[in-house]
């Protein structure tokens, strides 16, 4: 991996994590402002889509964290002393 691509990978991973945290904070505020709806028990068309969004949203967190950790570890391994 080149120096440029390693830096790009780290920056994009950090940006993705930052966007996820911002989305989490905004959704948290919306959830509290709407009276903490129990979307798991509500019936009707919009709630099935909302549940799918919630599940995939939380699945993204370990994906983004994993991608960022791998990028940082690859960069550290590449910069380790004694490597040619």
PDB file of N, CA and C in Angstrom:
ATOM      1  N   UNK A   1       0.849  -1.167   0.000  1.00  0.00           N
ATOM      2  CA  UNK A   1       0.000   0.000   0.000  1.00  0.00           C
ATOM      3  C   UNK A   1       0.894   1.229   0.000  1.00  0.00           C
ATOM      4  N   UNK A   2       0.584   2.145  -0.881  1.00  0.00           N
ATOM      5  CA  UNK A   2       1.388   3.350  -0.954  1.00  0.00           C
ATOM      6  C   UNK A   2       1.053   4.286   0.204  1.00  0.00           C
ATOM      7  N   UNK A   3       1.923   5.242   0.409  1.00  0.00           N
ATOM      8  CA  UNK A   3       1.737   6.206   1.486  1.00  0.00           C
ATOM      9  C   UNK A   3       0.440   6.991   1.287  1.00  0.00           C
ATOM     10  N   UNK A   4       0.169   7.370   0.046  1.00  0.00           N
ATOM     11  CA  UNK A   4      -1.034   8.141  -0.263  1.00  0.00           C
ATOM     12  C   UNK A   4      -2.297   7.317  -0.001  1.00  0.00           C
ATOM     13  N   UNK A   5      -2.303   6.058  -0.420  1.00  0.00           N
ATOM     14  CA  UNK A   5      -3.511   5.249  -0.223  1.00  0.00           C
ATOM     15  C   UNK A   5      -3.720   4.904   1.252  1.00  0.00           C
ATOM     16  N   UNK A   6      -2.631   4.735   2.021  1.00  0.00           N
ATOM     17  CA  UNK A   6      -2.765   4.471   3.452  1.00  0.00           C
ATOM     18  C   UNK A   6      -3.357   5.683   4.159  1.00  0.00           C
ATOM     19  N   UNK A   7      -2.895   6.860   3.801  1.00  0.00           N
ATOM     20  CA  UNK A   7      -3.431   8.083   4.394  1.00  0.00           C
ATOM     21  C   UNK A   7      -4.888   8.274   3.991  1.00  0.00           C
ATOM     22  N   UNK A   8      -5.196   8.033   2.730  1.00  0.00           N
ATOM     23  CA  UNK A   8      -6.570   8.158   2.260  1.00  0.00           C
ATOM     24  C   UNK A   8      -7.491   7.187   2.982  1.00  0.00           C
ATOM     25  N   UNK A   9      -7.035   5.979   3.203  1.00  0.00           N
ATOM     26  CA  UNK A   9      -7.836   4.981   3.896  1.00  0.00           C
ATOM     27  C   UNK A   9      -8.133   5.401   5.331  1.00  0.00           C
ATOM     28  N   UNK A  10      -7.118   5.911   6.016  1.00  0.00           N
ATOM     29  CA  UNK A  10      -7.320   6.392   7.395  1.00  0.00           C
ATOM     30  C   UNK A  10      -8.275   7.575   7.440  1.00  0.00           C
ATOM     31  N   UNK A  11      -8.082   8.531   6.550  1.00  0.00           N
ATOM     32  CA  UNK A  11      -8.920   9.735   6.545  1.00  0.00           C
ATOM     33  C   UNK A  11     -10.366   9.378   6.207  1.00  0.00           C
ATOM     34  N   UNK A  12     -10.570   8.536   5.201  1.00  0.00           N
ATOM     35  CA  UNK A  12     -11.932   8.149   4.839  1.00  0.00           C
ATOM     36  C   UNK A  12     -12.592   7.325   5.943  1.00  0.00           C
ATOM     37  N   UNK A  13     -11.825   6.481   6.614  1.00  0.00           N
ATOM     38  CA  UNK A  13     -12.369   5.719   7.736  1.00  0.00           C
ATOM     39  C   UNK A  13     -12.779   6.618   8.883  1.00  0.00           C
ATOM     40  N   UNK A  14     -11.949   7.601   9.191  1.00  0.00           N
ATOM     41  CA  UNK A  14     -12.284   8.547  10.260  1.00  0.00           C
ATOM     42  C   UNK A  14     -13.488   9.396   9.869  1.00  0.00           C
ATOM     43  N   UNK A  15     -13.580   9.788   8.609  1.00  0.00           N
ATOM     44  CA  UNK A  15     -14.720  10.563   8.136  1.00  0.00           C
ATOM     45  C   UNK A  15     -16.011   9.744   8.226  1.00  0.00           C
ATOM     46  N   UNK A  16     -15.948   8.474   7.845  1.00  0.00           N
ATOM     47  CA  UNK A  16     -17.125   7.600   7.932  1.00  0.00           C
ATOM     48  C   UNK A  16     -17.580   7.441   9.379  1.00  0.00           C
ATOM     49  N   UNK A  17     -16.630   7.245  10.286  1.00  0.00           N
ATOM     50  CA  UNK A  17     -16.982   7.140  11.707  1.00  0.00           C
ATOM     51  C   UNK A  17     -17.584   8.440  12.222  1.00  0.00           C
ATOM     52  N   UNK A  18     -17.014   9.554  11.828  1.00  0.00           N
ATOM     53  CA  UNK A  18     -17.545  10.847  12.244  1.00  0.00           C
ATOM     54  C   UNK A  18     -18.962  11.077  11.736  1.00  0.00           C
ATOM     55  N   UNK A  19     -19.221  10.711  10.491  1.00  0.00           N
ATOM     56  CA  UNK A  19     -20.573  10.844   9.940  1.00  0.00           C
ATOM     57  C   UNK A  19     -21.548   9.945  10.682  1.00  0.00           C
ATOM     58  N   UNK A  20     -21.114   8.730  11.029  1.00  0.00           N
ATOM     59  CA  UNK A  20     -21.991   7.806  11.761  1.00  0.00           C
ATOM     60  C   UNK A  20     -22.338   8.403  13.127  1.00  0.00           C
ATOM     61  N   UNK A  21     -21.358   8.957  13.819  1.00  0.00           N
ATOM     62  CA  UNK A  21     -21.614   9.549  15.136  1.00  0.00           C
ATOM     63  C   UNK A  21     -22.562  10.739  15.005  1.00  0.00           C
ATOM     64  N   UNK A  22     -22.386  11.571  13.997  1.00  0.00           N
ATOM     65  CA  UNK A  22     -23.270  12.708  13.782  1.00  0.00           C
ATOM     66  C   UNK A  22     -24.699  12.236  13.503  1.00  0.00           C
ATOM     67  N   UNK A  23     -24.846  11.210  12.676  1.00  0.00           N
ATOM     68  CA  UNK A  23     -26.171  10.657  12.398  1.00  0.00           C
ATOM     69  C   UNK A  23     -26.790  10.075  13.670  1.00  0.00           C
ATOM     70  N   UNK A  24     -25.980   9.423  14.488  1.00  0.00           N
ATOM     71  CA  UNK A  24     -26.483   8.860  15.736  1.00  0.00           C
ATOM     72  C   UNK A  24     -27.009   9.966  16.653  1.00  0.00           C
ATOM     73  N   UNK A  25     -26.236  11.038  16.783  1.00  0.00           N
ATOM     74  CA  UNK A  25     -26.656  12.134  17.664  1.00  0.00           C
ATOM     75  C   UNK A  25     -27.940  12.791  17.155  1.00  0.00           C
ATOM     76  N   UNK A  26     -28.056  12.975  15.841  1.00  0.00           N
ATOM     77  CA  UNK A  26     -29.262  13.579  15.280  1.00  0.00           C
ATOM     78  C   UNK A  26     -30.468  12.663  15.480  1.00  0.00           C
ATOM     79  N   UNK A  27     -30.296  11.379  15.234  1.00  0.00           N
ATOM     80  CA  UNK A  27     -31.406  10.432  15.409  1.00  0.00           C
ATOM     81  C   UNK A  27     -31.798  10.331  16.879  1.00  0.00           C
ATOM     82  N   UNK A  28     -30.821  10.415  17.751  1.00  0.00           N
ATOM     83  CA  UNK A  28     -31.110  10.356  19.188  1.00  0.00           C
ATOM     84  C   UNK A  28     -31.976  11.537  19.607  1.00  0.00           C
ATOM     85  N   UNK A  29     -31.663  12.718  19.114  1.00  0.00           N
ATOM     86  CA  UNK A  29     -32.460  13.905  19.416  1.00  0.00           C
ATOM     87  C   UNK A  29     -33.873  13.772  18.851  1.00  0.00           C
ATOM     88  N   UNK A  30     -33.988  13.275  17.621  1.00  0.00           N
ATOM     89  CA  UNK A  30     -35.305  13.095  17.004  1.00  0.00           C
ATOM     90  C   UNK A  30     -36.126  12.088  17.800  1.00  0.00           C
ATOM     91  N   UNK A  31     -35.487  10.995  18.213  1.00  0.00           N
ATOM     92  CA  UNK A  31     -36.186   9.962  18.980  1.00  0.00           C
ATOM     93  C   UNK A  31     -36.725  10.534  20.294  1.00  0.00           C
ATOM     94  N   UNK A  32     -35.921  11.337  20.968  1.00  0.00           N
ATOM     95  CA  UNK A  32     -36.380  11.943  22.225  1.00  0.00           C
ATOM     96  C   UNK A  32     -37.482  12.980  21.976  1.00  0.00           C
ATOM     97  N   UNK A  33     -37.361  13.752  20.897  1.00  0.00           N
ATOM     98  CA  UNK A  33     -38.366  14.776  20.600  1.00  0.00           C
ATOM     99  C   UNK A  33     -39.719  14.180  20.212  1.00  0.00           C
ATOM    100  N   UNK A  34     -39.729  12.964  19.674  1.00  0.00           N
ATOM    101  CA  UNK A  34     -40.990  12.330  19.273  1.00  0.00           C
ATOM    102  C   UNK A  34     -41.603  11.518  20.404  1.00  0.00           C
ATOM    103  N   UNK A  35     -41.050  11.584  21.568  1.00  0.00           N
ATOM    104  CA  UNK A  35     -41.640  10.889  22.704  1.00  0.00           C
ATOM    105  C   UNK A  35     -41.161   9.464  22.873  1.00  0.00           C
ATOM    106  N   UNK A  36     -40.001   9.152  22.344  1.00  0.00           N
ATOM    107  CA  UNK A  36     -39.389   7.821  22.487  1.00  0.00           C
ATOM    108  C   UNK A  36     -40.322   6.703  22.012  1.00  0.00           C
ATOM    109  N   UNK A  37     -40.739   6.799  20.775  1.00  0.00           N
ATOM    110  CA  UNK A  37     -41.626   5.788  20.202  1.00  0.00           C
ATOM    111  C   UNK A  37     -40.988   4.407  20.262  1.00  0.00           C
ATOM    112  N   UNK A  38     -41.782   3.422  20.585  1.00  0.00           N
ATOM    113  CA  UNK A  38     -41.305   2.040  20.589  1.00  0.00           C
ATOM    114  C   UNK A  38     -41.496   1.472  19.187  1.00  0.00           C
ATOM    115  N   UNK A  39     -40.521   1.724  18.299  1.00  0.00           N
ATOM    116  CA  UNK A  39     -40.658   1.336  16.893  1.00  0.00           C
ATOM    117  C   UNK A  39     -40.685  -0.176  16.703  1.00  0.00           C
ATOM    118  N   UNK A  40     -40.290  -0.943  17.682  1.00  0.00           N
ATOM    119  CA  UNK A  40     -40.293  -2.405  17.553  1.00  0.00           C
ATOM    120  C   UNK A  40     -41.695  -2.976  17.703  1.00  0.00           C
ATOM    121  N   UNK A  41     -42.599  -2.246  18.357  1.00  0.00           N
ATOM    122  CA  UNK A  41     -43.948  -2.767  18.596  1.00  0.00           C
ATOM    123  C   UNK A  41     -45.025  -2.059  17.793  1.00  0.00           C
ATOM    124  N   UNK A  42     -44.699  -0.946  17.144  1.00  0.00           N
ATOM    125  CA  UNK A  42     -45.700  -0.204  16.376  1.00  0.00           C
ATOM    126  C   UNK A  42     -45.965  -0.906  15.049  1.00  0.00           C
ATOM    127  N   UNK A  43     -47.206  -0.845  14.599  1.00  0.00           N
ATOM    128  CA  UNK A  43     -47.615  -1.471  13.344  1.00  0.00           C
ATOM    129  C   UNK A  43     -47.782  -0.405  12.273  1.00  0.00           C
ATOM    130  N   UNK A  44     -47.766  -0.832  11.049  1.00  0.00           N
ATOM    131  CA  UNK A  44     -48.003   0.082   9.946  1.00  0.00           C
ATOM    132  C   UNK A  44     -46.812   0.163   9.013  1.00  0.00           C
ATOM    133  N   UNK A  45     -47.058   0.674   7.809  1.00  0.00           N
ATOM    134  CA  UNK A  45     -46.021   0.685   6.767  1.00  0.00           C
ATOM    135  C   UNK A  45     -44.730   1.413   7.112  1.00  0.00           C
ATOM    136  N   UNK A  46     -44.742   2.581   7.730  1.00  0.00           N
ATOM    137  CA  UNK A  46     -43.439   3.241   7.889  1.00  0.00           C
ATOM    138  C   UNK A  46     -42.539   2.565   8.911  1.00  0.00           C
ATOM    139  N   UNK A  47     -43.102   1.810   9.842  1.00  0.00           N
ATOM    140  CA  UNK A  47     -42.295   1.265  10.930  1.00  0.00           C
ATOM    141  C   UNK A  47     -41.443   0.079  10.502  1.00  0.00           C
ATOM    142  N   UNK A  48     -41.902  -0.700   9.538  1.00  0.00           N
ATOM    143  CA  UNK A  48     -41.068  -1.800   9.036  1.00  0.00           C
ATOM    144  C   UNK A  48     -39.825  -1.235   8.364  1.00  0.00           C
ATOM    145  N   UNK A  49     -39.994  -0.184   7.585  1.00  0.00           N
ATOM    146  CA  UNK A  49     -38.838   0.450   6.939  1.00  0.00           C
ATOM    147  C   UNK A  49     -37.926   1.093   7.975  1.00  0.00           C
ATOM    148  N   UNK A  50     -38.511   1.689   8.980  1.00  0.00           N
ATOM    149  CA  UNK A  50     -37.716   2.320  10.032  1.00  0.00           C
ATOM    150  C   UNK A  50     -36.912   1.279  10.808  1.00  0.00           C
ATOM    151  N   UNK A  51     -37.513   0.133  11.083  1.00  0.00           N
ATOM    152  CA  UNK A  51     -36.785  -0.945  11.777  1.00  0.00           C
ATOM    153  C   UNK A  51     -35.621  -1.443  10.923  1.00  0.00           C
ATOM    154  N   UNK A  52     -35.840  -1.591   9.623  1.00  0.00           N
ATOM    155  CA  UNK A  52     -34.751  -2.020   8.729  1.00  0.00           C
ATOM    156  C   UNK A  52     -33.627  -0.991   8.726  1.00  0.00           C
ATOM    157  N   UNK A  53     -33.976   0.290   8.711  1.00  0.00           N
ATOM    158  CA  UNK A  53     -32.976   1.343   8.752  1.00  0.00           C
ATOM    159  C   UNK A  53     -32.186   1.290  10.050  1.00  0.00           C
ATOM    160  N   UNK A  54     -32.875   1.101  11.171  1.00  0.00           N
ATOM    161  CA  UNK A  54     -32.209   1.063  12.476  1.00  0.00           C
ATOM    162  C   UNK A  54     -31.229  -0.095  12.551  1.00  0.00           C
ATOM    163  N   UNK A  55     -31.658  -1.270  12.096  1.00  0.00           N
ATOM    164  CA  UNK A  55     -30.778  -2.447  12.153  1.00  0.00           C
ATOM    165  C   UNK A  55     -29.543  -2.228  11.285  1.00  0.00           C
ATOM    166  N   UNK A  56     -29.727  -1.774  10.060  1.00  0.00           N
ATOM    167  CA  UNK A  56     -28.560  -1.578   9.188  1.00  0.00           C
ATOM    168  C   UNK A  56     -27.682  -0.437   9.681  1.00  0.00           C
ATOM    169  N   UNK A  57     -28.285   0.569  10.299  1.00  0.00           N
ATOM    170  CA  UNK A  57     -27.499   1.670  10.856  1.00  0.00           C
ATOM    171  C   UNK A  57     -26.538   1.161  11.927  1.00  0.00           C
ATOM    172  N   UNK A  58     -27.038   0.324  12.822  1.00  0.00           N
ATOM    173  CA  UNK A  58     -26.174  -0.186  13.889  1.00  0.00           C
ATOM    174  C   UNK A  58     -25.194  -1.240  13.394  1.00  0.00           C
ATOM    175  N   UNK A  59     -25.517  -1.932  12.310  1.00  0.00           N
ATOM    176  CA  UNK A  59     -24.569  -2.891  11.725  1.00  0.00           C
ATOM    177  C   UNK A  59     -23.387  -2.144  11.109  1.00  0.00           C
ATOM    178  N   UNK A  60     -23.620  -0.927  10.641  1.00  0.00           N
ATOM    179  CA  UNK A  60     -22.540  -0.144  10.037  1.00  0.00           C
ATOM    180  C   UNK A  60     -21.441   0.237  11.026  1.00  0.00           C
ATOM    181  N   UNK A  61     -21.782   0.409  12.300  1.00  0.00           N
ATOM    182  CA  UNK A  61     -20.769   0.832  13.269  1.00  0.00           C
ATOM    183  C   UNK A  61     -19.594  -0.130  13.345  1.00  0.00           C
ATOM    184  N   UNK A  62     -19.806  -1.444  13.564  1.00  0.00           N
ATOM    185  CA  UNK A  62     -18.630  -2.322  13.607  1.00  0.00           C
ATOM    186  C   UNK A  62     -17.899  -2.405  12.266  1.00  0.00           C
ATOM    187  N   UNK A  63     -18.614  -2.220  11.172  1.00  0.00           N
ATOM    188  CA  UNK A  63     -17.955  -2.219   9.855  1.00  0.00           C
ATOM    189  C   UNK A  63     -17.017  -1.022   9.749  1.00  0.00           C
ATOM    190  N   UNK A  64     -17.500   0.169  10.113  1.00  0.00           N
ATOM    191  CA  UNK A  64     -16.661   1.367  10.054  1.00  0.00           C
ATOM    192  C   UNK A  64     -15.496   1.288  11.030  1.00  0.00           C
ATOM    193  N   UNK A  65     -15.747   0.816  12.232  1.00  0.00           N
ATOM    194  CA  UNK A  65     -14.673   0.689  13.225  1.00  0.00           C
ATOM    195  C   UNK A  65     -13.633  -0.316  12.737  1.00  0.00           C
ATOM    196  N   UNK A  66     -14.087  -1.440  12.219  1.00  0.00           N
ATOM    197  CA  UNK A  66     -13.158  -2.459  11.704  1.00  0.00           C
ATOM    198  C   UNK A  66     -12.316  -1.931  10.557  1.00  0.00           C
ATOM    199  N   UNK A  67     -12.938  -1.219   9.642  1.00  0.00           N
ATOM    200  CA  UNK A  67     -12.205  -0.669   8.508  1.00  0.00           C
ATOM    201  C   UNK A  67     -11.158   0.328   8.978  1.00  0.00           C
ATOM    202  N   UNK A  68     -11.510   1.171   9.937  1.00  0.00           N
ATOM    203  CA  UNK A  68     -10.571   2.157  10.456  1.00  0.00           C
ATOM    204  C   UNK A  68      -9.411   1.483  11.187  1.00  0.00           C
ATOM    205  N   UNK A  69      -9.708   0.473  12.002  1.00  0.00           N
ATOM    206  CA  UNK A  69      -8.658  -0.242  12.742  1.00  0.00           C
ATOM    207  C   UNK A  69      -7.711  -0.944  11.781  1.00  0.00           C
ATOM    208  N   UNK A  70      -8.252  -1.589  10.758  1.00  0.00           N
ATOM    209  CA  UNK A  70      -7.399  -2.263   9.771  1.00  0.00           C
ATOM    210  C   UNK A  70      -6.512  -1.257   9.053  1.00  0.00           C
ATOM    211  N   UNK A  71      -7.068  -0.097   8.702  1.00  0.00           N
ATOM    212  CA  UNK A  71      -6.267   0.932   8.023  1.00  0.00           C
ATOM    213  C   UNK A  71      -5.134   1.417   8.915  1.00  0.00           C
ATOM    214  N   UNK A  72      -5.434   1.651  10.190  1.00  0.00           N
ATOM    215  CA  UNK A  72      -4.396   2.131  11.111  1.00  0.00           C
ATOM    216  C   UNK A  72      -3.344   1.054  11.335  1.00  0.00           C
ATOM    217  N   UNK A  73      -3.767  -0.195  11.532  1.00  0.00           N
ATOM    218  CA  UNK A  73      -2.797  -1.281  11.744  1.00  0.00           C
ATOM    219  C   UNK A  73      -1.919  -1.504  10.525  1.00  0.00           C
ATOM    220  N   UNK A  74      -2.492  -1.436   9.345  1.00  0.00           N
ATOM    221  CA  UNK A  74      -1.687  -1.581   8.125  1.00  0.00           C
ATOM    222  C   UNK A  74      -0.683  -0.449   7.994  1.00  0.00           C
ATOM    223  N   UNK A  75      -1.098   0.752   8.354  1.00  0.00           N
ATOM    224  CA  UNK A  75      -0.185   1.891   8.283  1.00  0.00           C
ATOM    225  C   UNK A  75       0.940   1.746   9.303  1.00  0.00           C
ATOM    226  N   UNK A  76       0.613   1.303  10.522  1.00  0.00           N
ATOM    227  CA  UNK A  76       1.658   1.116  11.546  1.00  0.00           C
ATOM    228  C   UNK A  76       2.627   0.013  11.134  1.00  0.00           C
ATOM    229  N   UNK A  77       2.088  -1.063  10.558  1.00  0.00           N
ATOM    230  CA  UNK A  77       2.944  -2.166  10.127  1.00  0.00           C
ATOM    231  C   UNK A  77       3.874  -1.705   9.009  1.00  0.00           C
ATOM    232  N   UNK A  78       3.347  -0.882   8.111  1.00  0.00           N
ATOM    233  CA  UNK A  78       4.152  -0.378   6.999  1.00  0.00           C
ATOM    234  C   UNK A  78       5.247   0.556   7.486  1.00  0.00           C
ATOM    235  N   UNK A  79       4.968   1.314   8.550  1.00  0.00           N
ATOM    236  CA  UNK A  79       5.945   2.273   9.068  1.00  0.00           C
ATOM    237  C   UNK A  79       6.855   1.694  10.139  1.00  0.00           C
ATOM    238  N   UNK A  80       6.696   0.424  10.463  1.00  0.00           N
ATOM    239  CA  UNK A  80       7.495  -0.195  11.531  1.00  0.00           C
ATOM    240  C   UNK A  80       8.975  -0.123  11.181  1.00  0.00           C
ATOM    241  N   UNK A  81       9.832   0.150  12.206  1.00  0.00           N
ATOM    242  CA  UNK A  81      11.272   0.213  11.949  1.00  0.00           C
ATOM    243  C   UNK A  81      11.808  -1.164  11.545  1.00  0.00           C
ATOM    244  N   UNK A  82      12.786  -1.152  10.684  1.00  0.00           N
ATOM    245  CA  UNK A  82      13.411  -2.394  10.253  1.00  0.00           C
ATOM    246  C   UNK A  82      12.793  -2.973   8.995  1.00  0.00           C
ATOM    247  N   UNK A  83      11.705  -2.354   8.521  1.00  0.00           N
ATOM    248  CA  UNK A  83      11.076  -2.835   7.293  1.00  0.00           C
ATOM    249  C   UNK A  83      11.761  -2.181   6.126  1.00  0.00           C
ATOM    250  N   UNK A  84      11.898  -2.924   5.055  1.00  0.00           N
ATOM    251  CA  UNK A  84      12.546  -2.370   3.866  1.00  0.00           C
ATOM    252  C   UNK A  84      11.559  -2.055   2.802  1.00  0.00           C
TER     253      UNK A  84
END
